[in-house]
Amino acid sequence: MTTDTTTKDATPGSNPPGETVLDARGVTMRFGGLTAVRNVNLTVNSGEIVGLIGPNGAGKTTFFNCLTGLYIPTEGEVRYKGQILPPKSFKVTAAGIARTFQNIRLFANMTVLENVLVGRHTRTKEGLWSALLRGPGFHKAEKASRERAMELLEFVGLDAKAEHLARNLPYGEQRKLEIARALASEPGLLLLDEPTAGMNPQETRTTEELVFAIRDKGIAVLVIEHDMRFIFNLCDRVAVLVQGEKLVEGDSATVQGDERVVAAYLGEPFEDAPGKDEVAEVEAAEAHAEPSKDTAPGKENDR
């Protein structure tokens, strides 16, 4: 399809030790008069797995959308490796941030291999004439892309099903395929939105091992999840959002021992806690929000 631009000397997308990969500062997102995310600061460093948790309607997915260019933050800025990210999802992907979605978004009638090849498009450079003429350069690029896609399928354990249609995969394997497609863009930061939703305990454990393996390749990870055991086993740090604001951030022990976090999950009020009506309003705003006008249909998968 196009020429591969990644190097062979190191793991594509990997980060130097100690580097700040993501730096979100004062991110605020309003929908009309409702504020779904308010003044959230968050960093993710190389070699880290960071968790983002909170009750339904807390603004977690909205915050993810602000990080990946699907929404343009009302206030604040998002930096990737020191550079302010452009407010367009395909440019965010090209910069080095990839994501999966809470609801699986595969190309159901394409093969497993073809789905991963789609994710390669930001790391290739062959143009229209090369594709039309199909010269030696095109075939070399096509071969390189297929080889890299097969490497990723082997990494997630799906290489034996490369020619299967995506729609025919079991649920857990569809989740793996979505991760493989995100990795195909060679990100330095991978955002996972509820990667174990709907999984049984064995599938959850397999996903946990896969995320550790991704981290071990030098890719930083930011993950939203409702499975607290999964999050606290997985993450180096965890941030808690409640009503769009960051309530607390720290290691697993710090977060689990915070009375405000316990209260938020049990539905008990704490000082300055939002009422039920406020929570319902934010949930409705998130559910009906439209992506930024810069994101054309299908471009939400420009990871």
C-alpha atoms as a PDB file:
ATOM      1  CA  MET A   1       0.000   0.000   0.000  1.00  0.00           C
ATOM      2  CA  THR A   2       2.667   2.522   1.012  1.00  0.00           C
ATOM      3  CA  THR A   3       6.287   2.758   2.085  1.00  0.00           C
ATOM      4  CA  ASP A   4       7.179   1.969   5.687  1.00  0.00           C
ATOM      5  CA  THR A   5       8.851   4.886   7.496  1.00  0.00           C
ATOM      6  CA  THR A   6       9.718   3.172  10.815  1.00  0.00           C
ATOM      7  CA  THR A   7      13.260   2.206  11.633  1.00  0.00           C
ATOM      8  CA  LYS A   8      14.480  -1.350  12.132  1.00  0.00           C
ATOM      9  CA  ASP A   9      17.057  -0.485  14.797  1.00  0.00           C
ATOM     10  CA  ALA A  10      14.658  -0.158  17.729  1.00  0.00           C
ATOM     11  CA  THR A  11      11.128  -1.043  18.668  1.00  0.00           C
ATOM     12  CA  PRO A  12       8.958   1.339  16.609  1.00  0.00           C
ATOM     13  CA  GLY A  13       7.284   3.983  18.757  1.00  0.00           C
ATOM     14  CA  SER A  14       9.333   3.180  21.862  1.00  0.00           C
ATOM     15  CA  ASN A  15      10.263   5.987  24.254  1.00  0.00           C
ATOM     16  CA  PRO A  16      13.601   6.904  25.878  1.00  0.00           C
ATOM     17  CA  PRO A  17      13.662   6.155  29.645  1.00  0.00           C
ATOM     18  CA  GLY A  18      12.403   8.991  31.839  1.00  0.00           C
ATOM     19  CA  GLU A  19      10.717  10.925  29.035  1.00  0.00           C
ATOM     20  CA  THR A  20       7.390  12.660  29.648  1.00  0.00           C
ATOM     21  CA  VAL A  21       5.248  11.258  26.872  1.00  0.00           C
ATOM     22  CA  LEU A  22       1.888  12.902  27.657  1.00  0.00           C
ATOM     23  CA  ASP A  23       1.397  16.208  29.449  1.00  0.00           C
ATOM     24  CA  ALA A  24      -2.215  17.379  29.701  1.00  0.00           C
ATOM     25  CA  ARG A  25      -2.563  20.765  31.380  1.00  0.00           C
ATOM     26  CA  GLY A  26      -5.781  22.352  32.562  1.00  0.00           C
ATOM     27  CA  VAL A  27      -7.933  20.368  30.132  1.00  0.00           C
ATOM     28  CA  THR A  28     -11.545  21.550  30.278  1.00  0.00           C
ATOM     29  CA  MET A  29     -14.396  20.442  28.030  1.00  0.00           C
ATOM     30  CA  ARG A  30     -17.782  22.144  28.004  1.00  0.00           C
ATOM     31  CA  PHE A  31     -20.898  21.160  26.078  1.00  0.00           C
ATOM     32  CA  GLY A  32     -23.012  24.285  26.063  1.00  0.00           C
ATOM     33  CA  GLY A  33     -23.530  25.185  29.719  1.00  0.00           C
ATOM     34  CA  LEU A  34     -22.345  21.796  31.014  1.00  0.00           C
ATOM     35  CA  THR A  35     -18.763  21.131  32.023  1.00  0.00           C
ATOM     36  CA  ALA A  36     -17.888  17.468  31.470  1.00  0.00           C
ATOM     37  CA  VAL A  37     -14.158  17.841  32.215  1.00  0.00           C
ATOM     38  CA  ARG A  38     -12.791  20.600  34.412  1.00  0.00           C
ATOM     39  CA  ASN A  39      -9.147  21.674  34.703  1.00  0.00           C
ATOM     40  CA  VAL A  40      -7.620  18.181  34.572  1.00  0.00           C
ATOM     41  CA  ASN A  41      -3.849  17.804  34.687  1.00  0.00           C
ATOM     42  CA  LEU A  42      -2.270  14.439  33.901  1.00  0.00           C
ATOM     43  CA  THR A  43       1.149  13.200  32.835  1.00  0.00           C
ATOM     44  CA  VAL A  44       2.261   9.823  31.536  1.00  0.00           C
ATOM     45  CA  ASN A  45       5.955   8.996  31.435  1.00  0.00           C
ATOM     46  CA  SER A  46       7.820   6.434  29.376  1.00  0.00           C
ATOM     47  CA  GLY A  47       7.683   2.950  30.873  1.00  0.00           C
ATOM     48  CA  GLU A  48       4.477   3.735  32.782  1.00  0.00           C
ATOM     49  CA  ILE A  49       1.004   2.293  32.802  1.00  0.00           C
ATOM     50  CA  VAL A  50      -1.393   4.894  34.190  1.00  0.00           C
ATOM     51  CA  GLY A  51      -5.024   4.194  35.042  1.00  0.00           C
ATOM     52  CA  LEU A  52      -7.985   6.553  34.833  1.00  0.00           C
ATOM     53  CA  ILE A  53     -11.019   5.544  36.890  1.00  0.00           C
ATOM     54  CA  GLY A  54     -14.244   7.081  38.137  1.00  0.00           C
ATOM     55  CA  PRO A  55     -17.991   6.456  38.345  1.00  0.00           C
ATOM     56  CA  ASN A  56     -20.181   6.558  35.232  1.00  0.00           C
ATOM     57  CA  GLY A  57     -20.489  10.096  33.929  1.00  0.00           C
ATOM     58  CA  ALA A  58     -17.182  11.160  35.469  1.00  0.00           C
ATOM     59  CA  GLY A  59     -15.832  12.403  32.127  1.00  0.00           C
ATOM     60  CA  LYS A  60     -13.226   9.712  31.470  1.00  0.00           C
ATOM     61  CA  THR A  61     -14.047   9.041  27.816  1.00  0.00           C
ATOM     62  CA  THR A  62     -14.568  12.751  27.175  1.00  0.00           C
ATOM     63  CA  PHE A  63     -11.059  13.342  28.515  1.00  0.00           C
ATOM     64  CA  PHE A  64      -9.724  10.596  26.216  1.00  0.00           C
ATOM     65  CA  ASN A  65     -11.457  12.271  23.284  1.00  0.00           C
ATOM     66  CA  CYS A  66      -9.731  15.552  24.167  1.00  0.00           C
ATOM     67  CA  LEU A  67      -6.364  13.790  24.180  1.00  0.00           C
ATOM     68  CA  THR A  68      -6.884  12.222  20.752  1.00  0.00           C
ATOM     69  CA  GLY A  69      -8.328  15.126  18.769  1.00  0.00           C
ATOM     70  CA  LEU A  70     -11.913  13.891  18.595  1.00  0.00           C
ATOM     71  CA  TYR A  71     -12.866  16.845  20.779  1.00  0.00           C
ATOM     72  CA  ILE A  72     -11.136  20.216  20.863  1.00  0.00           C
ATOM     73  CA  PRO A  73     -10.762  21.174  24.554  1.00  0.00           C
ATOM     74  CA  THR A  74     -12.560  24.337  25.563  1.00  0.00           C
ATOM     75  CA  GLU A  75      -9.541  25.249  27.659  1.00  0.00           C
ATOM     76  CA  GLY A  76      -6.099  23.826  28.336  1.00  0.00           C
ATOM     77  CA  GLU A  77      -3.545  22.067  26.169  1.00  0.00           C
ATOM     78  CA  VAL A  78      -2.280  18.577  25.449  1.00  0.00           C
ATOM     79  CA  ARG A  79       1.403  17.969  24.727  1.00  0.00           C
ATOM     80  CA  TYR A  80       2.987  14.824  23.343  1.00  0.00           C
ATOM     81  CA  LYS A  81       6.728  14.633  23.928  1.00  0.00           C
ATOM     82  CA  GLY A  82       6.787  18.388  24.491  1.00  0.00           C
ATOM     83  CA  GLN A  83       4.824  19.381  21.392  1.00  0.00           C
ATOM     84  CA  ILE A  84       1.266  20.724  21.526  1.00  0.00           C
ATOM     85  CA  LEU A  85      -0.986  18.310  19.677  1.00  0.00           C
ATOM     86  CA  PRO A  86      -3.001  19.546  16.700  1.00  0.00           C
ATOM     87  CA  PRO A  87      -6.808  19.348  17.116  1.00  0.00           C
ATOM     88  CA  LYS A  88      -7.245  16.704  14.405  1.00  0.00           C
ATOM     89  CA  SER A  89      -7.404  13.002  15.152  1.00  0.00           C
ATOM     90  CA  PHE A  90      -5.350  11.818  12.176  1.00  0.00           C
ATOM     91  CA  LYS A  91      -2.558  14.260  13.067  1.00  0.00           C
ATOM     92  CA  VAL A  92      -2.621  13.078  16.674  1.00  0.00           C
ATOM     93  CA  THR A  93      -2.191   9.516  15.402  1.00  0.00           C
ATOM     94  CA  ALA A  94       0.666  10.587  13.152  1.00  0.00           C
ATOM     95  CA  ALA A  95       2.315  12.291  16.126  1.00  0.00           C
ATOM     96  CA  GLY A  96       2.364   9.006  18.042  1.00  0.00           C
ATOM     97  CA  ILE A  97      -0.841   8.491  20.058  1.00  0.00           C
ATOM     98  CA  ALA A  98      -3.112   5.541  19.302  1.00  0.00           C
ATOM     99  CA  ARG A  99      -6.309   4.427  21.016  1.00  0.00           C
ATOM    100  CA  THR A 100      -8.996   1.801  21.238  1.00  0.00           C
ATOM    101  CA  PHE A 101     -12.659   2.464  21.968  1.00  0.00           C
ATOM    102  CA  GLN A 102     -15.086   1.279  24.622  1.00  0.00           C
ATOM    103  CA  ASN A 103     -17.285  -0.070  21.830  1.00  0.00           C
ATOM    104  CA  ILE A 104     -15.278  -2.172  19.383  1.00  0.00           C
ATOM    105  CA  ARG A 105     -14.856  -0.410  16.019  1.00  0.00           C
ATOM    106  CA  LEU A 106     -13.420  -2.946  13.619  1.00  0.00           C
ATOM    107  CA  PHE A 107     -14.034  -3.237   9.892  1.00  0.00           C
ATOM    108  CA  ALA A 108     -16.261  -6.280  10.249  1.00  0.00           C
ATOM    109  CA  ASN A 109     -16.200  -7.394   6.599  1.00  0.00           C
ATOM    110  CA  MET A 110     -12.439  -7.094   6.248  1.00  0.00           C
ATOM    111  CA  THR A 111     -10.006  -9.797   7.261  1.00  0.00           C
ATOM    112  CA  VAL A 112      -8.005  -9.685  10.471  1.00  0.00           C
ATOM    113  CA  LEU A 113      -4.867  -8.870   8.470  1.00  0.00           C
ATOM    114  CA  GLU A 114      -6.599  -6.141   6.464  1.00  0.00           C
ATOM    115  CA  ASN A 115      -7.779  -4.470   9.676  1.00  0.00           C
ATOM    116  CA  VAL A 116      -4.188  -4.207  10.889  1.00  0.00           C
ATOM    117  CA  LEU A 117      -2.986  -2.972   7.490  1.00  0.00           C
ATOM    118  CA  VAL A 118      -5.495  -0.119   7.760  1.00  0.00           C
ATOM    119  CA  GLY A 119      -3.716   0.939  10.944  1.00  0.00           C
ATOM    120  CA  ARG A 120      -0.416   1.182   9.034  1.00  0.00           C
ATOM    121  CA  HIS A 121      -1.487   4.108   6.856  1.00  0.00           C
ATOM    122  CA  THR A 122       0.035   6.831   9.068  1.00  0.00           C
ATOM    123  CA  ARG A 123       3.451   5.162   8.839  1.00  0.00           C
ATOM    124  CA  THR A 124       3.600   4.855   5.062  1.00  0.00           C
ATOM    125  CA  LYS A 125       4.347   7.433   2.383  1.00  0.00           C
ATOM    126  CA  GLU A 126       3.620   5.981  -1.043  1.00  0.00           C
ATOM    127  CA  GLY A 127       1.323   8.280  -2.987  1.00  0.00           C
ATOM    128  CA  LEU A 128      -1.426   7.916  -5.562  1.00  0.00           C
ATOM    129  CA  TRP A 129       0.830   7.446  -8.588  1.00  0.00           C
ATOM    130  CA  SER A 130       2.863   4.755  -6.891  1.00  0.00           C
ATOM    131  CA  ALA A 131      -0.324   2.888  -6.012  1.00  0.00           C
ATOM    132  CA  LEU A 132      -1.709   3.240  -9.554  1.00  0.00           C
ATOM    133  CA  LEU A 133       1.498   2.267 -11.352  1.00  0.00           C
ATOM    134  CA  ARG A 134       2.310  -0.518  -8.890  1.00  0.00           C
ATOM    135  CA  GLY A 135       6.029  -0.342  -9.530  1.00  0.00           C
ATOM    136  CA  PRO A 136       8.807  -2.044  -7.549  1.00  0.00           C
ATOM    137  CA  GLY A 137       8.629   0.559  -4.782  1.00  0.00           C
ATOM    138  CA  PHE A 138       4.952  -0.077  -4.242  1.00  0.00           C
ATOM    139  CA  HIS A 139       5.375  -3.853  -4.021  1.00  0.00           C
ATOM    140  CA  LYS A 140       8.299  -3.498  -1.631  1.00  0.00           C
ATOM    141  CA  ALA A 141       6.251  -1.213   0.611  1.00  0.00           C
ATOM    142  CA  GLU A 142       3.262  -3.541   0.457  1.00  0.00           C
ATOM    143  CA  LYS A 143       5.427  -6.487   1.488  1.00  0.00           C
ATOM    144  CA  ALA A 144       6.954  -4.538   4.388  1.00  0.00           C
ATOM    145  CA  SER A 145       3.527  -3.496   5.656  1.00  0.00           C
ATOM    146  CA  ARG A 146       2.204  -7.052   5.513  1.00  0.00           C
ATOM    147  CA  GLU A 147       5.252  -8.366   7.352  1.00  0.00           C
ATOM    148  CA  ARG A 148       4.854  -5.795  10.111  1.00  0.00           C
ATOM    149  CA  ALA A 149       1.119  -6.500  10.368  1.00  0.00           C
ATOM    150  CA  MET A 150       1.795 -10.219  10.731  1.00  0.00           C
ATOM    151  CA  GLU A 151       4.374  -9.489  13.448  1.00  0.00           C
ATOM    152  CA  LEU A 152       1.709  -7.596  15.379  1.00  0.00           C
ATOM    153  CA  LEU A 153      -0.843 -10.367  14.908  1.00  0.00           C
ATOM    154  CA  GLU A 154       1.685 -12.846  16.244  1.00  0.00           C
ATOM    155  CA  PHE A 155       2.343 -10.507  19.187  1.00  0.00           C
ATOM    156  CA  VAL A 156      -1.353 -10.513  20.185  1.00  0.00           C
ATOM    157  CA  GLY A 157      -1.829 -14.189  19.329  1.00  0.00           C
ATOM    158  CA  LEU A 158      -3.951 -13.833  16.190  1.00  0.00           C
ATOM    159  CA  ASP A 159      -1.491 -14.730  13.422  1.00  0.00           C
ATOM    160  CA  ALA A 160      -3.257 -18.052  12.773  1.00  0.00           C
ATOM    161  CA  LYS A 161      -6.480 -16.148  12.033  1.00  0.00           C
ATOM    162  CA  ALA A 162      -5.029 -13.521   9.692  1.00  0.00           C
ATOM    163  CA  GLU A 163      -7.377 -14.431   6.832  1.00  0.00           C
ATOM    164  CA  HIS A 164     -10.519 -14.753   8.965  1.00  0.00           C
ATOM    165  CA  LEU A 165     -13.160 -12.036   8.744  1.00  0.00           C
ATOM    166  CA  ALA A 166     -13.038  -9.759  11.768  1.00  0.00           C
ATOM    167  CA  ARG A 167     -16.746 -10.265  12.429  1.00  0.00           C
ATOM    168  CA  ASN A 168     -16.188 -13.999  12.931  1.00  0.00           C
ATOM    169  CA  LEU A 169     -13.726 -13.604  15.791  1.00  0.00           C
ATOM    170  CA  PRO A 170     -14.861 -14.245  19.374  1.00  0.00           C
ATOM    171  CA  TYR A 171     -15.372 -11.112  21.453  1.00  0.00           C
ATOM    172  CA  GLY A 172     -12.070 -11.347  23.325  1.00  0.00           C
ATOM    173  CA  GLU A 173     -10.127 -11.768  20.086  1.00  0.00           C
ATOM    174  CA  GLN A 174     -11.867  -8.775  18.544  1.00  0.00           C
ATOM    175  CA  ARG A 175     -10.518  -6.756  21.454  1.00  0.00           C
ATOM    176  CA  LYS A 176      -7.017  -8.084  20.722  1.00  0.00           C
ATOM    177  CA  LEU A 177      -7.406  -7.185  17.060  1.00  0.00           C
ATOM    178  CA  GLU A 178      -8.369  -3.627  17.909  1.00  0.00           C
ATOM    179  CA  ILE A 179      -5.222  -3.342  20.027  1.00  0.00           C
ATOM    180  CA  ALA A 180      -3.107  -4.787  17.190  1.00  0.00           C
ATOM    181  CA  ARG A 181      -4.578  -2.259  14.757  1.00  0.00           C
ATOM    182  CA  ALA A 182      -3.784   0.586  17.177  1.00  0.00           C
ATOM    183  CA  LEU A 183      -0.216  -0.695  17.546  1.00  0.00           C
ATOM    184  CA  ALA A 184       0.142  -0.742  13.755  1.00  0.00           C
ATOM    185  CA  SER A 185       0.514   3.047  13.799  1.00  0.00           C
ATOM    186  CA  GLU A 186       3.681   2.559  15.917  1.00  0.00           C
ATOM    187  CA  PRO A 187       2.558   4.750  18.830  1.00  0.00           C
ATOM    188  CA  GLY A 188       4.652   5.976  21.717  1.00  0.00           C
ATOM    189  CA  LEU A 189       1.466   6.182  23.811  1.00  0.00           C
ATOM    190  CA  LEU A 190      -1.467   3.767  23.687  1.00  0.00           C
ATOM    191  CA  LEU A 191      -4.838   4.761  25.147  1.00  0.00           C
ATOM    192  CA  LEU A 192      -7.133   1.857  26.060  1.00  0.00           C
ATOM    193  CA  ASP A 193     -10.806   2.600  26.761  1.00  0.00           C
ATOM    194  CA  GLU A 194     -12.228  -0.234  28.893  1.00  0.00           C
ATOM    195  CA  PRO A 195     -10.199  -3.019  27.248  1.00  0.00           C
ATOM    196  CA  THR A 196     -11.682  -5.774  29.452  1.00  0.00           C
ATOM    197  CA  ALA A 197     -15.351  -4.750  29.225  1.00  0.00           C
ATOM    198  CA  GLY A 198     -17.476  -7.872  28.792  1.00  0.00           C
ATOM    199  CA  MET A 199     -14.565 -10.280  29.289  1.00  0.00           C
ATOM    200  CA  ASN A 200     -14.447 -13.342  31.504  1.00  0.00           C
ATOM    201  CA  PRO A 201     -11.665 -13.677  34.140  1.00  0.00           C
ATOM    202  CA  GLN A 202      -9.357 -15.663  31.832  1.00  0.00           C
ATOM    203  CA  GLU A 203      -9.700 -13.127  29.015  1.00  0.00           C
ATOM    204  CA  THR A 204      -9.072 -10.322  31.503  1.00  0.00           C
ATOM    205  CA  ARG A 205      -5.879 -11.997  32.698  1.00  0.00           C
ATOM    206  CA  THR A 206      -4.719 -12.433  29.094  1.00  0.00           C
ATOM    207  CA  THR A 207      -5.367  -8.748  28.420  1.00  0.00           C
ATOM    208  CA  GLU A 208      -3.389  -7.788  31.514  1.00  0.00           C
ATOM    209  CA  GLU A 209      -0.422  -9.811  30.261  1.00  0.00           C
ATOM    210  CA  LEU A 210      -0.733  -8.201  26.832  1.00  0.00           C
ATOM    211  CA  VAL A 211      -0.670  -4.678  28.299  1.00  0.00           C
ATOM    212  CA  PHE A 212       2.447  -5.537  30.312  1.00  0.00           C
ATOM    213  CA  ALA A 213       4.064  -6.834  27.115  1.00  0.00           C
ATOM    214  CA  ILE A 214       3.188  -3.591  25.319  1.00  0.00           C
ATOM    215  CA  ARG A 215       4.773  -1.585  28.147  1.00  0.00           C
ATOM    216  CA  ASP A 216       7.850  -3.796  27.971  1.00  0.00           C
ATOM    217  CA  LYS A 217       8.239  -2.776  24.309  1.00  0.00           C
ATOM    218  CA  GLY A 218       8.723   0.830  25.447  1.00  0.00           C
ATOM    219  CA  ILE A 219       5.182   2.054  24.759  1.00  0.00           C
ATOM    220  CA  ALA A 220       3.512   4.077  27.516  1.00  0.00           C
ATOM    221  CA  VAL A 221      -0.098   3.153  28.315  1.00  0.00           C
ATOM    222  CA  LEU A 222      -3.075   5.112  29.659  1.00  0.00           C
ATOM    223  CA  VAL A 223      -6.103   2.955  30.433  1.00  0.00           C
ATOM    224  CA  ILE A 224      -9.731   3.543  31.454  1.00  0.00           C
ATOM    225  CA  GLU A 225     -11.332   0.587  33.207  1.00  0.00           C
ATOM    226  CA  HIS A 226     -14.150  -0.237  35.624  1.00  0.00           C
ATOM    227  CA  ASP A 227     -12.563  -3.497  36.789  1.00  0.00           C
ATOM    228  CA  MET A 228     -10.744  -2.273  39.888  1.00  0.00           C
ATOM    229  CA  ARG A 229      -8.768  -5.480  40.403  1.00  0.00           C
ATOM    230  CA  PHE A 230      -7.460  -5.202  36.841  1.00  0.00           C
ATOM    231  CA  ILE A 231      -6.535  -1.534  37.267  1.00  0.00           C
ATOM    232  CA  PHE A 232      -4.792  -1.873  40.605  1.00  0.00           C
ATOM    233  CA  ASN A 233      -2.835  -4.948  39.499  1.00  0.00           C
ATOM    234  CA  LEU A 234      -1.794  -3.254  36.266  1.00  0.00           C
ATOM    235  CA  CYS A 235      -1.033   0.397  36.892  1.00  0.00           C
ATOM    236  CA  ASP A 236       1.929   2.285  38.315  1.00  0.00           C
ATOM    237  CA  ARG A 237      -0.312   5.266  39.050  1.00  0.00           C
ATOM    238  CA  VAL A 238      -4.073   5.769  39.087  1.00  0.00           C
ATOM    239  CA  ALA A 239      -6.011   9.033  38.699  1.00  0.00           C
ATOM    240  CA  VAL A 240      -9.636   9.300  39.801  1.00  0.00           C
ATOM    241  CA  LEU A 241     -12.150  11.539  38.025  1.00  0.00           C
ATOM    242  CA  VAL A 242     -15.410  12.511  39.707  1.00  0.00           C
ATOM    243  CA  GLN A 243     -17.804  14.862  37.944  1.00  0.00           C
ATOM    244  CA  GLY A 244     -15.069  15.782  35.482  1.00  0.00           C
ATOM    245  CA  GLU A 245     -12.513  16.806  38.099  1.00  0.00           C
ATOM    246  CA  LYS A 246      -9.451  14.921  39.242  1.00  0.00           C
ATOM    247  CA  LEU A 247     -10.139  13.882  42.807  1.00  0.00           C
ATOM    248  CA  VAL A 248      -6.894  12.130  43.660  1.00  0.00           C
ATOM    249  CA  GLU A 249      -3.875  10.580  41.942  1.00  0.00           C
ATOM    250  CA  GLY A 250      -1.293   8.151  43.255  1.00  0.00           C
ATOM    251  CA  ASP A 251      -0.266   4.538  43.554  1.00  0.00           C
ATOM    252  CA  SER A 252      -2.829   1.803  44.139  1.00  0.00           C
ATOM    253  CA  ALA A 253      -2.543   1.907  47.923  1.00  0.00           C
ATOM    254  CA  THR A 254      -3.013   5.688  48.049  1.00  0.00           C
ATOM    255  CA  VAL A 255      -6.081   5.643  45.828  1.00  0.00           C
ATOM    256  CA  GLN A 256      -7.732   2.645  47.478  1.00  0.00           C
ATOM    257  CA  GLY A 257      -7.238   4.190  50.909  1.00  0.00           C
ATOM    258  CA  ASP A 258      -8.776   7.566  50.015  1.00  0.00           C
ATOM    259  CA  GLU A 259     -12.174   7.940  51.703  1.00  0.00           C
ATOM    260  CA  ARG A 260     -13.437  10.240  48.943  1.00  0.00           C
ATOM    261  CA  VAL A 261     -12.798   7.552  46.335  1.00  0.00           C
ATOM    262  CA  VAL A 262     -14.643   4.964  48.399  1.00  0.00           C
ATOM    263  CA  ALA A 263     -17.538   7.377  48.871  1.00  0.00           C
ATOM    264  CA  ALA A 264     -17.720   8.189  45.151  1.00  0.00           C
ATOM    265  CA  TYR A 265     -17.979   4.518  44.192  1.00  0.00           C
ATOM    266  CA  LEU A 266     -20.477   3.697  46.950  1.00  0.00           C
ATOM    267  CA  GLY A 267     -22.626   6.656  45.989  1.00  0.00           C
ATOM    268  CA  GLU A 268     -22.147   8.368  49.342  1.00  0.00           C
ATOM    269  CA  PRO A 269     -21.763  12.155  49.343  1.00  0.00           C
ATOM    270  CA  PHE A 270     -18.524  13.816  50.390  1.00  0.00           C
ATOM    271  CA  GLU A 271     -17.666  17.482  50.742  1.00  0.00           C
ATOM    272  CA  ASP A 272     -18.410  19.392  47.507  1.00  0.00           C
ATOM    273  CA  ALA A 273     -19.655  16.204  45.830  1.00  0.00           C
ATOM    274  CA  PRO A 274     -22.008  16.772  42.861  1.00  0.00           C
ATOM    275  CA  GLY A 275     -25.665  15.887  43.215  1.00  0.00           C
ATOM    276  CA  LYS A 276     -27.417  13.172  41.194  1.00  0.00           C
ATOM    277  CA  ASP A 277     -28.968  15.715  38.829  1.00  0.00           C
ATOM    278  CA  GLU A 278     -25.549  17.140  37.954  1.00  0.00           C
ATOM    279  CA  VAL A 279     -24.133  13.681  37.300  1.00  0.00           C
ATOM    280  CA  ALA A 280     -27.086  12.805  35.048  1.00  0.00           C
ATOM    281  CA  GLU A 281     -26.625  16.022  33.044  1.00  0.00           C
ATOM    282  CA  VAL A 282     -22.958  15.298  32.361  1.00  0.00           C
ATOM    283  CA  GLU A 283     -23.717  11.678  31.385  1.00  0.00           C
ATOM    284  CA  ALA A 284     -26.303  12.915  28.883  1.00  0.00           C
ATOM    285  CA  ALA A 285     -23.919  15.542  27.457  1.00  0.00           C
ATOM    286  CA  GLU A 286     -21.170  12.955  26.952  1.00  0.00           C
ATOM    287  CA  ALA A 287     -23.563  10.493  25.331  1.00  0.00           C
ATOM    288  CA  HIS A 288     -24.835  12.997  22.762  1.00  0.00           C
ATOM    289  CA  ALA A 289     -21.681  15.011  22.104  1.00  0.00           C
ATOM    290  CA  GLU A 290     -20.512  15.236  18.510  1.00  0.00           C
ATOM    291  CA  PRO A 291     -16.834  14.806  17.549  1.00  0.00           C
ATOM    292  CA  SER A 292     -14.976  17.887  16.325  1.00  0.00           C
ATOM    293  CA  LYS A 293     -15.778  19.045  12.805  1.00  0.00           C
ATOM    294  CA  ASP A 294     -12.206  18.165  11.842  1.00  0.00           C
ATOM    295  CA  THR A 295     -13.044  14.488  12.279  1.00  0.00           C
ATOM    296  CA  ALA A 296     -14.738  13.063   9.195  1.00  0.00           C
ATOM    297  CA  PRO A 297     -16.787   9.849   9.425  1.00  0.00           C
ATOM    298  CA  GLY A 298     -14.427   6.953   9.911  1.00  0.00           C
ATOM    299  CA  LYS A 299     -11.563   9.226  10.914  1.00  0.00           C
ATOM    300  CA  GLU A 300     -12.108   8.324  14.566  1.00  0.00           C
ATOM    301  CA  ASN A 301     -10.099   5.226  13.730  1.00  0.00           C
ATOM    302  CA  ASP A 302      -7.117   7.301  12.571  1.00  0.00           C
ATOM    303  CA  ARG A 303      -5.286   6.097  15.635  1.00  0.00           C
END
